[in-house]
């Protein structure tokens, strides 16, 4: 885990992802499934933060699950 707990280095940068209508609709349903208030964009940002060990990580468990998924 070489990227753990990196300090803030740069301003946020925007990127574009391409989803099919089905993928976006399903993602929107998953996000609100348990009354979660995240938008699909926020969910993806949170996952990437955990996967990369960003300073915006959601905690050690989330990092571990993201790393395990990626392997």
C-alpha atoms as a PDB file:
ATOM      1  CA  UNK A   1       0.000   0.000   0.000  1.00  0.00           C
ATOM      2  CA  UNK A   2       2.426   2.658  -1.161  1.00  0.00           C
ATOM      3  CA  UNK A   3      -0.108   5.502  -1.329  1.00  0.00           C
ATOM      4  CA  UNK A   4      -1.510   5.424   2.208  1.00  0.00           C
ATOM      5  CA  UNK A   5      -2.285   8.669   3.977  1.00  0.00           C
ATOM      6  CA  UNK A   6      -0.779  10.991   1.398  1.00  0.00           C
ATOM      7  CA  UNK A   7      -0.992  14.674   2.288  1.00  0.00           C
ATOM      8  CA  UNK A   8      -3.014  17.163   0.290  1.00  0.00           C
ATOM      9  CA  UNK A   9      -0.934  17.981  -2.764  1.00  0.00           C
ATOM     10  CA  UNK A  10      -3.049  19.449  -5.529  1.00  0.00           C
ATOM     11  CA  UNK A  11      -6.414  21.004  -6.162  1.00  0.00           C
ATOM     12  CA  UNK A  12      -9.157  18.665  -7.333  1.00  0.00           C
ATOM     13  CA  UNK A  13      -9.235  17.884 -11.036  1.00  0.00           C
ATOM     14  CA  UNK A  14     -12.299  16.959 -13.018  1.00  0.00           C
ATOM     15  CA  UNK A  15     -12.533  13.885 -15.203  1.00  0.00           C
ATOM     16  CA  UNK A  16     -15.250  12.286 -17.262  1.00  0.00           C
ATOM     17  CA  UNK A  17     -16.428   8.713 -17.022  1.00  0.00           C
ATOM     18  CA  UNK A  18     -18.720   7.024 -19.490  1.00  0.00           C
ATOM     19  CA  UNK A  19     -21.593   4.907 -18.203  1.00  0.00           C
ATOM     20  CA  UNK A  20     -24.434   3.265 -20.054  1.00  0.00           C
ATOM     21  CA  UNK A  21     -27.931   4.386 -19.065  1.00  0.00           C
ATOM     22  CA  UNK A  22     -28.393   1.021 -17.315  1.00  0.00           C
ATOM     23  CA  UNK A  23     -25.151   1.415 -15.317  1.00  0.00           C
ATOM     24  CA  UNK A  24     -26.069   4.921 -14.190  1.00  0.00           C
ATOM     25  CA  UNK A  25     -29.628   3.967 -13.271  1.00  0.00           C
ATOM     26  CA  UNK A  26     -28.431   0.947 -11.299  1.00  0.00           C
ATOM     27  CA  UNK A  27     -25.740   2.990  -9.551  1.00  0.00           C
ATOM     28  CA  UNK A  28     -28.339   5.593  -8.571  1.00  0.00           C
ATOM     29  CA  UNK A  29     -30.541   2.848  -7.120  1.00  0.00           C
ATOM     30  CA  UNK A  30     -27.632   1.326  -5.200  1.00  0.00           C
ATOM     31  CA  UNK A  31     -26.680   4.674  -3.706  1.00  0.00           C
ATOM     32  CA  UNK A  32     -30.155   5.266  -2.268  1.00  0.00           C
ATOM     33  CA  UNK A  33     -30.769   1.625  -1.323  1.00  0.00           C
ATOM     34  CA  UNK A  34     -30.081   2.126   2.371  1.00  0.00           C
ATOM     35  CA  UNK A  35     -31.034   5.782   2.574  1.00  0.00           C
ATOM     36  CA  UNK A  36     -27.488   6.868   1.759  1.00  0.00           C
ATOM     37  CA  UNK A  37     -27.203  10.495   0.729  1.00  0.00           C
ATOM     38  CA  UNK A  38     -24.246  10.125  -1.648  1.00  0.00           C
ATOM     39  CA  UNK A  39     -24.665  10.941  -5.296  1.00  0.00           C
ATOM     40  CA  UNK A  40     -23.208   8.493  -7.837  1.00  0.00           C
ATOM     41  CA  UNK A  41     -20.364  10.984  -8.359  1.00  0.00           C
ATOM     42  CA  UNK A  42     -19.618  11.159  -4.626  1.00  0.00           C
ATOM     43  CA  UNK A  43     -19.674   7.362  -4.371  1.00  0.00           C
ATOM     44  CA  UNK A  44     -17.120   7.004  -7.175  1.00  0.00           C
ATOM     45  CA  UNK A  45     -14.953   9.753  -5.669  1.00  0.00           C
ATOM     46  CA  UNK A  46     -15.049   8.035  -2.265  1.00  0.00           C
ATOM     47  CA  UNK A  47     -14.066   4.676  -3.767  1.00  0.00           C
ATOM     48  CA  UNK A  48     -11.165   6.197  -5.700  1.00  0.00           C
ATOM     49  CA  UNK A  49      -9.991   8.016  -2.552  1.00  0.00           C
ATOM     50  CA  UNK A  50      -9.923   4.692  -0.685  1.00  0.00           C
ATOM     51  CA  UNK A  51      -8.281   2.808  -3.543  1.00  0.00           C
ATOM     52  CA  UNK A  52      -5.507   5.378  -3.895  1.00  0.00           C
ATOM     53  CA  UNK A  53      -5.001   5.992  -0.176  1.00  0.00           C
ATOM     54  CA  UNK A  54      -5.860   9.657  -0.611  1.00  0.00           C
ATOM     55  CA  UNK A  55      -6.086  11.999   2.340  1.00  0.00           C
ATOM     56  CA  UNK A  56      -9.849  11.884   1.650  1.00  0.00           C
ATOM     57  CA  UNK A  57     -10.015   8.172   2.505  1.00  0.00           C
ATOM     58  CA  UNK A  58     -13.090   6.936   4.357  1.00  0.00           C
ATOM     59  CA  UNK A  59     -11.124   4.862   6.856  1.00  0.00           C
ATOM     60  CA  UNK A  60      -8.879   1.849   7.132  1.00  0.00           C
ATOM     61  CA  UNK A  61     -11.609  -0.746   6.519  1.00  0.00           C
ATOM     62  CA  UNK A  62     -12.697   1.012   3.349  1.00  0.00           C
ATOM     63  CA  UNK A  63      -9.089   1.206   2.128  1.00  0.00           C
ATOM     64  CA  UNK A  64      -8.560  -2.494   2.806  1.00  0.00           C
ATOM     65  CA  UNK A  65     -11.735  -3.469   0.932  1.00  0.00           C
ATOM     66  CA  UNK A  66     -10.823  -1.251  -2.018  1.00  0.00           C
ATOM     67  CA  UNK A  67      -7.318  -2.739  -2.190  1.00  0.00           C
ATOM     68  CA  UNK A  68      -8.709  -6.282  -1.887  1.00  0.00           C
ATOM     69  CA  UNK A  69     -11.191  -5.618  -4.693  1.00  0.00           C
ATOM     70  CA  UNK A  70      -8.462  -4.295  -6.954  1.00  0.00           C
ATOM     71  CA  UNK A  71      -6.161  -7.282  -6.473  1.00  0.00           C
END
